[in-house]
């Protein structure tokens, strides 16, 4: 019956049955768990991981964290790190994503047609003075392959005086061309200091 459920892509029902009947050794739990997460059935996915014998539980959780260390599923991966007391140092890709992500910063990376989209210059003005948020913006711009915008943020907010050395090293490697750091006109006037003024 469980195999038929999996064949029919009824992953949640199959997962619940595997846990209830203690059938973990008969199925590839990693594959089923990833399918559950991809279909937004994270509670059943967590139940499957917790039902795994303790000896292999952390290894399973670790493999799932590595699999989901991406922009779409990083929140679930981060939850597993905390839930199973894993070390963030073992997941550099996840750590880089978490260091970049913030709901407010993410608004600048939405398609401009989205109603929640916030232009980069507006976001930059909103977070002026908030070093933690500015770092997230800088890192997000680097990850989005927008080094000129990242270096512009770095320059305008005096990162050289306060940012971690690793961030300064990244910024110093960017050959900054102010012409490529184009910002849309802000009709209300900038709150932050504009370069060259």
C-alpha atoms as a PDB file:
ATOM      1  CA  UNK A   1       0.000   0.000   0.000  1.00  0.00           C
ATOM      2  CA  UNK A   2       2.802   2.443   0.907  1.00  0.00           C
ATOM      3  CA  UNK A   3       4.570   1.769  -2.386  1.00  0.00           C
ATOM      4  CA  UNK A   4       1.357   2.485  -4.247  1.00  0.00           C
ATOM      5  CA  UNK A   5       0.958   5.774  -2.371  1.00  0.00           C
ATOM      6  CA  UNK A   6       4.522   6.745  -3.336  1.00  0.00           C
ATOM      7  CA  UNK A   7       3.864   5.734  -6.936  1.00  0.00           C
ATOM      8  CA  UNK A   8       0.757   7.951  -6.905  1.00  0.00           C
ATOM      9  CA  UNK A   9       2.852  10.799  -5.436  1.00  0.00           C
ATOM     10  CA  UNK A  10       0.807  10.746  -2.231  1.00  0.00           C
ATOM     11  CA  UNK A  11       3.931  11.504  -0.228  1.00  0.00           C
ATOM     12  CA  UNK A  12       2.202  12.823   2.892  1.00  0.00           C
ATOM     13  CA  UNK A  13      -0.006   9.739   3.287  1.00  0.00           C
ATOM     14  CA  UNK A  14       2.970   7.463   2.579  1.00  0.00           C
ATOM     15  CA  UNK A  15       5.101   9.313   5.137  1.00  0.00           C
ATOM     16  CA  UNK A  16       2.445   9.045   7.824  1.00  0.00           C
ATOM     17  CA  UNK A  17       2.018   5.330   7.135  1.00  0.00           C
ATOM     18  CA  UNK A  18       5.787   4.732   7.269  1.00  0.00           C
ATOM     19  CA  UNK A  19       5.979   6.425  10.670  1.00  0.00           C
ATOM     20  CA  UNK A  20       2.839   4.737  12.065  1.00  0.00           C
ATOM     21  CA  UNK A  21       3.824   1.222  10.927  1.00  0.00           C
ATOM     22  CA  UNK A  22       7.557   1.691  11.621  1.00  0.00           C
ATOM     23  CA  UNK A  23       8.532   0.920   8.018  1.00  0.00           C
ATOM     24  CA  UNK A  24      11.562   3.224   7.887  1.00  0.00           C
ATOM     25  CA  UNK A  25      14.044   0.472   7.025  1.00  0.00           C
ATOM     26  CA  UNK A  26      12.004  -0.557   3.972  1.00  0.00           C
ATOM     27  CA  UNK A  27      12.097   2.849   2.226  1.00  0.00           C
ATOM     28  CA  UNK A  28      14.560   5.511   1.158  1.00  0.00           C
ATOM     29  CA  UNK A  29      13.675   8.100   3.806  1.00  0.00           C
ATOM     30  CA  UNK A  30      15.917  10.836   2.338  1.00  0.00           C
ATOM     31  CA  UNK A  31      14.048  10.770  -0.993  1.00  0.00           C
ATOM     32  CA  UNK A  32      10.614  10.726   0.642  1.00  0.00           C
ATOM     33  CA  UNK A  33      11.543  13.533   3.026  1.00  0.00           C
ATOM     34  CA  UNK A  34      12.807  15.776   0.226  1.00  0.00           C
ATOM     35  CA  UNK A  35       9.597  15.166  -1.748  1.00  0.00           C
ATOM     36  CA  UNK A  36       7.554  16.081   1.335  1.00  0.00           C
ATOM     37  CA  UNK A  37       9.441  19.360   1.779  1.00  0.00           C
ATOM     38  CA  UNK A  38       9.132  20.206  -1.922  1.00  0.00           C
ATOM     39  CA  UNK A  39       5.358  19.686  -1.666  1.00  0.00           C
ATOM     40  CA  UNK A  40       5.206  21.840   1.503  1.00  0.00           C
ATOM     41  CA  UNK A  41       4.414  18.937   3.866  1.00  0.00           C
ATOM     42  CA  UNK A  42       7.158  19.889   6.296  1.00  0.00           C
ATOM     43  CA  UNK A  43       5.432  18.550   9.432  1.00  0.00           C
ATOM     44  CA  UNK A  44       5.341  15.028   7.992  1.00  0.00           C
ATOM     45  CA  UNK A  45       8.934  15.480   6.807  1.00  0.00           C
ATOM     46  CA  UNK A  46       9.979  16.346  10.363  1.00  0.00           C
ATOM     47  CA  UNK A  47       8.024  13.361  11.718  1.00  0.00           C
ATOM     48  CA  UNK A  48       9.949  11.070   9.358  1.00  0.00           C
ATOM     49  CA  UNK A  49      13.295  12.481  10.443  1.00  0.00           C
ATOM     50  CA  UNK A  50      12.422  12.172  14.134  1.00  0.00           C
ATOM     51  CA  UNK A  51      11.200   8.593  13.580  1.00  0.00           C
ATOM     52  CA  UNK A  52      14.588   7.643  12.096  1.00  0.00           C
ATOM     53  CA  UNK A  53      16.700   5.613  14.567  1.00  0.00           C
ATOM     54  CA  UNK A  54      18.866   7.910  16.661  1.00  0.00           C
ATOM     55  CA  UNK A  55      22.096   6.470  15.274  1.00  0.00           C
ATOM     56  CA  UNK A  56      21.348   7.772  11.738  1.00  0.00           C
ATOM     57  CA  UNK A  57      19.089  10.716  12.560  1.00  0.00           C
ATOM     58  CA  UNK A  58      21.725  13.467  12.598  1.00  0.00           C
ATOM     59  CA  UNK A  59      23.311  12.165   9.401  1.00  0.00           C
ATOM     60  CA  UNK A  60      19.920  12.173   7.656  1.00  0.00           C
ATOM     61  CA  UNK A  61      19.177  15.694   8.926  1.00  0.00           C
ATOM     62  CA  UNK A  62      22.623  16.857   7.799  1.00  0.00           C
ATOM     63  CA  UNK A  63      22.137  15.445   4.285  1.00  0.00           C
ATOM     64  CA  UNK A  64      18.727  17.109   4.032  1.00  0.00           C
ATOM     65  CA  UNK A  65      20.213  20.452   5.168  1.00  0.00           C
ATOM     66  CA  UNK A  66      22.839  20.212   2.408  1.00  0.00           C
ATOM     67  CA  UNK A  67      20.162  19.327  -0.148  1.00  0.00           C
ATOM     68  CA  UNK A  68      17.977  22.287   0.831  1.00  0.00           C
ATOM     69  CA  UNK A  69      20.731  24.888   1.237  1.00  0.00           C
ATOM     70  CA  UNK A  70      19.252  27.072  -1.490  1.00  0.00           C
ATOM     71  CA  UNK A  71      17.199  30.245  -1.760  1.00  0.00           C
ATOM     72  CA  UNK A  72      13.888  28.382  -2.003  1.00  0.00           C
ATOM     73  CA  UNK A  73      14.204  26.098   1.023  1.00  0.00           C
ATOM     74  CA  UNK A  74      16.815  27.694   3.267  1.00  0.00           C
ATOM     75  CA  UNK A  75      14.287  28.324   6.069  1.00  0.00           C
ATOM     76  CA  UNK A  76      13.559  24.598   6.407  1.00  0.00           C
ATOM     77  CA  UNK A  77      17.290  23.799   6.263  1.00  0.00           C
ATOM     78  CA  UNK A  78      17.955  26.403   8.962  1.00  0.00           C
ATOM     79  CA  UNK A  79      15.206  24.903  11.134  1.00  0.00           C
ATOM     80  CA  UNK A  80      16.884  21.481  10.888  1.00  0.00           C
ATOM     81  CA  UNK A  81      20.244  22.932  11.945  1.00  0.00           C
ATOM     82  CA  UNK A  82      18.659  24.288  15.137  1.00  0.00           C
ATOM     83  CA  UNK A  83      16.360  21.312  15.748  1.00  0.00           C
ATOM     84  CA  UNK A  84      19.143  18.718  15.521  1.00  0.00           C
ATOM     85  CA  UNK A  85      21.890  20.843  17.069  1.00  0.00           C
ATOM     86  CA  UNK A  86      23.991  20.793  13.900  1.00  0.00           C
ATOM     87  CA  UNK A  87      26.911  23.176  13.340  1.00  0.00           C
ATOM     88  CA  UNK A  88      26.370  26.000  10.835  1.00  0.00           C
ATOM     89  CA  UNK A  89      30.087  25.788   9.958  1.00  0.00           C
ATOM     90  CA  UNK A  90      29.357  22.479   8.231  1.00  0.00           C
ATOM     91  CA  UNK A  91      26.950  24.222   5.834  1.00  0.00           C
ATOM     92  CA  UNK A  92      28.768  27.212   4.279  1.00  0.00           C
ATOM     93  CA  UNK A  93      26.225  27.630   1.468  1.00  0.00           C
ATOM     94  CA  UNK A  94      23.333  27.794   3.953  1.00  0.00           C
ATOM     95  CA  UNK A  95      25.274  30.180   6.167  1.00  0.00           C
ATOM     96  CA  UNK A  96      25.893  32.505   3.198  1.00  0.00           C
ATOM     97  CA  UNK A  97      22.178  32.493   2.327  1.00  0.00           C
ATOM     98  CA  UNK A  98      21.062  33.125   5.915  1.00  0.00           C
ATOM     99  CA  UNK A  99      23.557  35.990   6.204  1.00  0.00           C
ATOM    100  CA  UNK A 100      21.947  37.612   3.158  1.00  0.00           C
ATOM    101  CA  UNK A 101      18.286  36.999   3.740  1.00  0.00           C
ATOM    102  CA  UNK A 102      15.885  39.392   5.396  1.00  0.00           C
ATOM    103  CA  UNK A 103      12.262  39.975   4.454  1.00  0.00           C
ATOM    104  CA  UNK A 104      12.817  43.714   3.960  1.00  0.00           C
ATOM    105  CA  UNK A 105      16.015  43.324   1.921  1.00  0.00           C
ATOM    106  CA  UNK A 106      14.349  40.608  -0.162  1.00  0.00           C
ATOM    107  CA  UNK A 107      11.762  43.156  -1.385  1.00  0.00           C
ATOM    108  CA  UNK A 108      14.441  44.814  -3.545  1.00  0.00           C
ATOM    109  CA  UNK A 109      15.007  41.525  -5.388  1.00  0.00           C
ATOM    110  CA  UNK A 110      11.402  40.891  -6.379  1.00  0.00           C
ATOM    111  CA  UNK A 111      10.363  41.452 -10.009  1.00  0.00           C
ATOM    112  CA  UNK A 112       9.496  45.162 -10.464  1.00  0.00           C
ATOM    113  CA  UNK A 113       5.976  44.140 -11.485  1.00  0.00           C
ATOM    114  CA  UNK A 114       5.322  42.688  -7.985  1.00  0.00           C
ATOM    115  CA  UNK A 115       3.256  44.956  -5.743  1.00  0.00           C
ATOM    116  CA  UNK A 116       5.722  44.459  -2.838  1.00  0.00           C
ATOM    117  CA  UNK A 117       8.784  45.411  -4.904  1.00  0.00           C
ATOM    118  CA  UNK A 118      10.915  48.174  -3.364  1.00  0.00           C
ATOM    119  CA  UNK A 119      13.556  49.883  -5.557  1.00  0.00           C
ATOM    120  CA  UNK A 120      17.110  49.476  -4.301  1.00  0.00           C
ATOM    121  CA  UNK A 121      17.620  53.195  -3.634  1.00  0.00           C
ATOM    122  CA  UNK A 122      14.437  53.360  -1.514  1.00  0.00           C
ATOM    123  CA  UNK A 123      15.448  50.289   0.477  1.00  0.00           C
ATOM    124  CA  UNK A 124      18.923  51.721   0.975  1.00  0.00           C
ATOM    125  CA  UNK A 125      17.433  54.918   2.386  1.00  0.00           C
ATOM    126  CA  UNK A 126      15.131  52.929   4.691  1.00  0.00           C
ATOM    127  CA  UNK A 127      17.981  50.965   6.251  1.00  0.00           C
ATOM    128  CA  UNK A 128      20.562  53.761   6.459  1.00  0.00           C
ATOM    129  CA  UNK A 129      22.347  53.535   9.807  1.00  0.00           C
ATOM    130  CA  UNK A 130      21.365  49.893  10.382  1.00  0.00           C
ATOM    131  CA  UNK A 131      24.693  48.144   9.892  1.00  0.00           C
ATOM    132  CA  UNK A 132      23.270  44.631  10.168  1.00  0.00           C
ATOM    133  CA  UNK A 133      20.719  45.316   7.421  1.00  0.00           C
ATOM    134  CA  UNK A 134      23.277  47.082   5.239  1.00  0.00           C
ATOM    135  CA  UNK A 135      25.532  44.007   5.487  1.00  0.00           C
ATOM    136  CA  UNK A 136      22.625  41.807   4.438  1.00  0.00           C
ATOM    137  CA  UNK A 137      21.960  44.100   1.486  1.00  0.00           C
ATOM    138  CA  UNK A 138      25.633  44.074   0.471  1.00  0.00           C
ATOM    139  CA  UNK A 139      25.812  40.261   0.693  1.00  0.00           C
ATOM    140  CA  UNK A 140      22.537  39.878  -1.211  1.00  0.00           C
ATOM    141  CA  UNK A 141      23.808  42.108  -4.019  1.00  0.00           C
ATOM    142  CA  UNK A 142      27.021  40.072  -4.245  1.00  0.00           C
ATOM    143  CA  UNK A 143      25.008  36.816  -4.389  1.00  0.00           C
ATOM    144  CA  UNK A 144      22.732  38.339  -7.043  1.00  0.00           C
ATOM    145  CA  UNK A 145      25.804  39.148  -9.169  1.00  0.00           C
ATOM    146  CA  UNK A 146      25.394  42.922  -8.793  1.00  0.00           C
ATOM    147  CA  UNK A 147      28.895  43.882  -7.636  1.00  0.00           C
ATOM    148  CA  UNK A 148      28.671  47.512  -8.778  1.00  0.00           C
ATOM    149  CA  UNK A 149      25.544  48.086  -6.687  1.00  0.00           C
ATOM    150  CA  UNK A 150      27.174  46.272  -3.755  1.00  0.00           C
ATOM    151  CA  UNK A 151      30.268  48.466  -3.968  1.00  0.00           C
ATOM    152  CA  UNK A 152      28.073  51.557  -4.215  1.00  0.00           C
ATOM    153  CA  UNK A 153      26.323  50.588  -0.972  1.00  0.00           C
ATOM    154  CA  UNK A 154      29.732  49.898   0.571  1.00  0.00           C
ATOM    155  CA  UNK A 155      31.027  53.350  -0.401  1.00  0.00           C
ATOM    156  CA  UNK A 156      27.943  55.362   0.511  1.00  0.00           C
ATOM    157  CA  UNK A 157      27.673  53.839   3.984  1.00  0.00           C
ATOM    158  CA  UNK A 158      31.367  53.946   4.914  1.00  0.00           C
ATOM    159  CA  UNK A 159      31.738  50.173   5.292  1.00  0.00           C
ATOM    160  CA  UNK A 160      35.532  50.625   5.466  1.00  0.00           C
ATOM    161  CA  UNK A 161      35.081  52.101   8.967  1.00  0.00           C
ATOM    162  CA  UNK A 162      32.937  49.349  10.471  1.00  0.00           C
ATOM    163  CA  UNK A 163      32.369  46.292   8.251  1.00  0.00           C
ATOM    164  CA  UNK A 164      34.076  42.938   8.978  1.00  0.00           C
ATOM    165  CA  UNK A 165      37.416  42.415   7.247  1.00  0.00           C
ATOM    166  CA  UNK A 166      35.996  39.635   5.037  1.00  0.00           C
ATOM    167  CA  UNK A 167      33.393  42.055   3.619  1.00  0.00           C
ATOM    168  CA  UNK A 168      36.036  44.736   3.060  1.00  0.00           C
ATOM    169  CA  UNK A 169      38.201  42.210   1.203  1.00  0.00           C
ATOM    170  CA  UNK A 170      35.313  41.353  -1.136  1.00  0.00           C
ATOM    171  CA  UNK A 171      34.549  45.027  -1.763  1.00  0.00           C
ATOM    172  CA  UNK A 172      38.180  45.932  -2.449  1.00  0.00           C
ATOM    173  CA  UNK A 173      38.262  43.405  -5.316  1.00  0.00           C
ATOM    174  CA  UNK A 174      35.409  45.171  -7.120  1.00  0.00           C
ATOM    175  CA  UNK A 175      36.557  47.732  -9.692  1.00  0.00           C
ATOM    176  CA  UNK A 176      33.908  50.299  -8.990  1.00  0.00           C
ATOM    177  CA  UNK A 177      32.443  52.314 -11.843  1.00  0.00           C
ATOM    178  CA  UNK A 178      29.853  54.780 -10.574  1.00  0.00           C
ATOM    179  CA  UNK A 179      28.226  54.841 -14.036  1.00  0.00           C
ATOM    180  CA  UNK A 180      27.293  51.159 -13.609  1.00  0.00           C
ATOM    181  CA  UNK A 181      25.785  51.799 -10.182  1.00  0.00           C
ATOM    182  CA  UNK A 182      22.686  53.400 -11.672  1.00  0.00           C
ATOM    183  CA  UNK A 183      19.933  54.305  -9.261  1.00  0.00           C
ATOM    184  CA  UNK A 184      16.439  55.412 -10.247  1.00  0.00           C
ATOM    185  CA  UNK A 185      15.519  59.021  -9.543  1.00  0.00           C
ATOM    186  CA  UNK A 186      14.155  59.512  -6.052  1.00  0.00           C
ATOM    187  CA  UNK A 187      11.592  62.300  -6.315  1.00  0.00           C
ATOM    188  CA  UNK A 188      11.371  62.696  -2.527  1.00  0.00           C
ATOM    189  CA  UNK A 189      15.118  63.208  -2.096  1.00  0.00           C
ATOM    190  CA  UNK A 190      17.611  60.869  -0.492  1.00  0.00           C
ATOM    191  CA  UNK A 191      17.877  60.297   3.236  1.00  0.00           C
ATOM    192  CA  UNK A 192      21.356  58.779   2.953  1.00  0.00           C
ATOM    193  CA  UNK A 193      24.496  60.572   1.783  1.00  0.00           C
ATOM    194  CA  UNK A 194      24.792  60.553  -1.999  1.00  0.00           C
ATOM    195  CA  UNK A 195      28.287  60.012  -3.361  1.00  0.00           C
ATOM    196  CA  UNK A 196      29.892  63.118  -4.825  1.00  0.00           C
ATOM    197  CA  UNK A 197      27.648  65.581  -2.974  1.00  0.00           C
END
